[in-house]
C-alpha atoms as a PDB file:
ATOM      1  CA  UNK A   1      84.590 102.856 110.632  1.00  0.00           C
ATOM      2  CA  UNK A   2      81.355 104.217 109.161  1.00  0.00           C
ATOM      3  CA  UNK A   3      81.346 107.176 111.566  1.00  0.00           C
ATOM      4  CA  UNK A   4      84.978 108.214 111.143  1.00  0.00           C
ATOM      5  CA  UNK A   5      85.982 111.211 109.052  1.00  0.00           C
ATOM      6  CA  UNK A   6      88.083 110.298 106.007  1.00  0.00           C
ATOM      7  CA  UNK A   7      91.492 112.003 106.085  1.00  0.00           C
ATOM      8  CA  UNK A   8      90.932 113.584 102.665  1.00  0.00           C
ATOM      9  CA  UNK A   9      87.984 115.543 104.086  1.00  0.00           C
ATOM     10  CA  UNK A  10      89.863 117.128 106.998  1.00  0.00           C
ATOM     11  CA  UNK A  11      87.929 120.381 106.560  1.00  0.00           C
ATOM     12  CA  UNK A  12      84.391 118.952 106.400  1.00  0.00           C
ATOM     13  CA  UNK A  13      82.272 117.217 108.999  1.00  0.00           C
ATOM     14  CA  UNK A  14      81.449 114.174 106.877  1.00  0.00           C
ATOM     15  CA  UNK A  15      81.815 110.552 107.875  1.00  0.00           C
ATOM     16  CA  UNK A  16      82.905 107.534 105.899  1.00  0.00           C
ATOM     17  CA  UNK A  17      79.230 106.606 105.664  1.00  0.00           C
ATOM     18  CA  UNK A  18      78.345 110.047 104.302  1.00  0.00           C
ATOM     19  CA  UNK A  19      81.000 109.720 101.599  1.00  0.00           C
ATOM     20  CA  UNK A  20      79.723 106.296 100.550  1.00  0.00           C
ATOM     21  CA  UNK A  21      76.108 107.527 100.472  1.00  0.00           C
ATOM     22  CA  UNK A  22      77.072 110.508  98.310  1.00  0.00           C
ATOM     23  CA  UNK A  23      79.066 108.337  95.915  1.00  0.00           C
ATOM     24  CA  UNK A  24      76.199 105.890  95.514  1.00  0.00           C
ATOM     25  CA  UNK A  25      73.525 108.602  95.275  1.00  0.00           C
ATOM     26  CA  UNK A  26      71.945 110.352  92.334  1.00  0.00           C
ATOM     27  CA  UNK A  27      73.191 113.901  93.013  1.00  0.00           C
ATOM     28  CA  UNK A  28      75.877 114.347  90.340  1.00  0.00           C
ATOM     29  CA  UNK A  29      77.095 117.657  91.788  1.00  0.00           C
ATOM     30  CA  UNK A  30      77.782 116.167  95.226  1.00  0.00           C
ATOM     31  CA  UNK A  31      79.265 113.036  93.680  1.00  0.00           C
ATOM     32  CA  UNK A  32      81.605 115.102  91.491  1.00  0.00           C
ATOM     33  CA  UNK A  33      82.694 117.153  94.505  1.00  0.00           C
ATOM     34  CA  UNK A  34      83.525 114.088  96.630  1.00  0.00           C
ATOM     35  CA  UNK A  35      85.240 112.305  93.755  1.00  0.00           C
ATOM     36  CA  UNK A  36      87.303 115.422  93.049  1.00  0.00           C
ATOM     37  CA  UNK A  37      88.429 115.492  96.675  1.00  0.00           C
ATOM     38  CA  UNK A  38      89.318 111.817  96.553  1.00  0.00           C
ATOM     39  CA  UNK A  39      91.367 112.169  93.361  1.00  0.00           C
ATOM     40  CA  UNK A  40      93.164 115.245  94.705  1.00  0.00           C
ATOM     41  CA  UNK A  41      93.778 114.234  98.313  1.00  0.00           C
ATOM     42  CA  UNK A  42      93.486 110.482  98.840  1.00  0.00           C
ATOM     43  CA  UNK A  43      96.401 108.132  98.364  1.00  0.00           C
ATOM     44  CA  UNK A  44      96.421 106.236  95.085  1.00  0.00           C
ATOM     45  CA  UNK A  45      95.625 102.979  96.910  1.00  0.00           C
ATOM     46  CA  UNK A  46      92.678 104.560  98.725  1.00  0.00           C
ATOM     47  CA  UNK A  47      91.155 105.971  95.530  1.00  0.00           C
ATOM     48  CA  UNK A  48      90.142 102.428  94.579  1.00  0.00           C
ATOM     49  CA  UNK A  49      88.379 101.891  97.917  1.00  0.00           C
ATOM     50  CA  UNK A  50      85.852 104.526  96.866  1.00  0.00           C
ATOM     51  CA  UNK A  51      85.567 104.428  93.112  1.00  0.00           C
ATOM     52  CA  UNK A  52      86.408 102.546  89.952  1.00  0.00           C
ATOM     53  CA  UNK A  53      88.246 103.329  86.768  1.00  0.00           C
ATOM     54  CA  UNK A  54      84.990 103.404  84.824  1.00  0.00           C
ATOM     55  CA  UNK A  55      83.431 105.853  87.313  1.00  0.00           C
ATOM     56  CA  UNK A  56      86.441 108.162  87.054  1.00  0.00           C
ATOM     57  CA  UNK A  57      86.229 108.053  83.246  1.00  0.00           C
ATOM     58  CA  UNK A  58      82.511 108.791  83.353  1.00  0.00           C
ATOM     59  CA  UNK A  59      82.817 111.665  85.837  1.00  0.00           C
ATOM     60  CA  UNK A  60      86.074 113.248  84.585  1.00  0.00           C
ATOM     61  CA  UNK A  61      84.384 115.873  82.353  1.00  0.00           C
ATOM     62  CA  UNK A  62      82.550 117.414  85.326  1.00  0.00           C
ATOM     63  CA  UNK A  63      85.213 117.054  88.017  1.00  0.00           C
ATOM     64  CA  UNK A  64      86.696 120.261  89.370  1.00  0.00           C
ATOM     65  CA  UNK A  65      90.262 119.284  90.148  1.00  0.00           C
ATOM     66  CA  UNK A  66      93.505 121.213  90.032  1.00  0.00           C
ATOM     67  CA  UNK A  67      95.042 121.327  86.575  1.00  0.00           C
ATOM     68  CA  UNK A  68      98.237 119.353  87.357  1.00  0.00           C
ATOM     69  CA  UNK A  69      96.253 116.599  89.056  1.00  0.00           C
ATOM     70  CA  UNK A  70      93.732 116.503  86.208  1.00  0.00           C
ATOM     71  CA  UNK A  71      96.587 116.119  83.732  1.00  0.00           C
ATOM     72  CA  UNK A  72      98.002 113.170  85.676  1.00  0.00           C
ATOM     73  CA  UNK A  73      94.621 111.432  85.825  1.00  0.00           C
ATOM     74  CA  UNK A  74      93.851 112.129  82.183  1.00  0.00           C
ATOM     75  CA  UNK A  75      97.233 110.700  81.202  1.00  0.00           C
ATOM     76  CA  UNK A  76      96.612 107.639  83.360  1.00  0.00           C
ATOM     77  CA  UNK A  77      93.174 107.128  81.811  1.00  0.00           C
ATOM     78  CA  UNK A  78      94.642 107.286  78.326  1.00  0.00           C
ATOM     79  CA  UNK A  79      97.339 104.738  79.225  1.00  0.00           C
ATOM     80  CA  UNK A  80      94.854 102.408  80.933  1.00  0.00           C
ATOM     81  CA  UNK A  81      92.499 102.258  77.943  1.00  0.00           C
END
């Protein structure tokens, strides 16, 4: 499983292991990019396999996600407070 490409990264040659390393690393730019892809393209159930509500809240200000998707997540975060 570690060497498979996650479906939400169909256009990049990154493995499951790469995604996990980026998410647990210190590079905020790379982390924001991966998290943005997850929030935009992963199923709702799969989002929670990679991140947490607190991480989404923390990273939201720097995520570059499409406006309609951002609005949905921001609404969800306000409801889940």
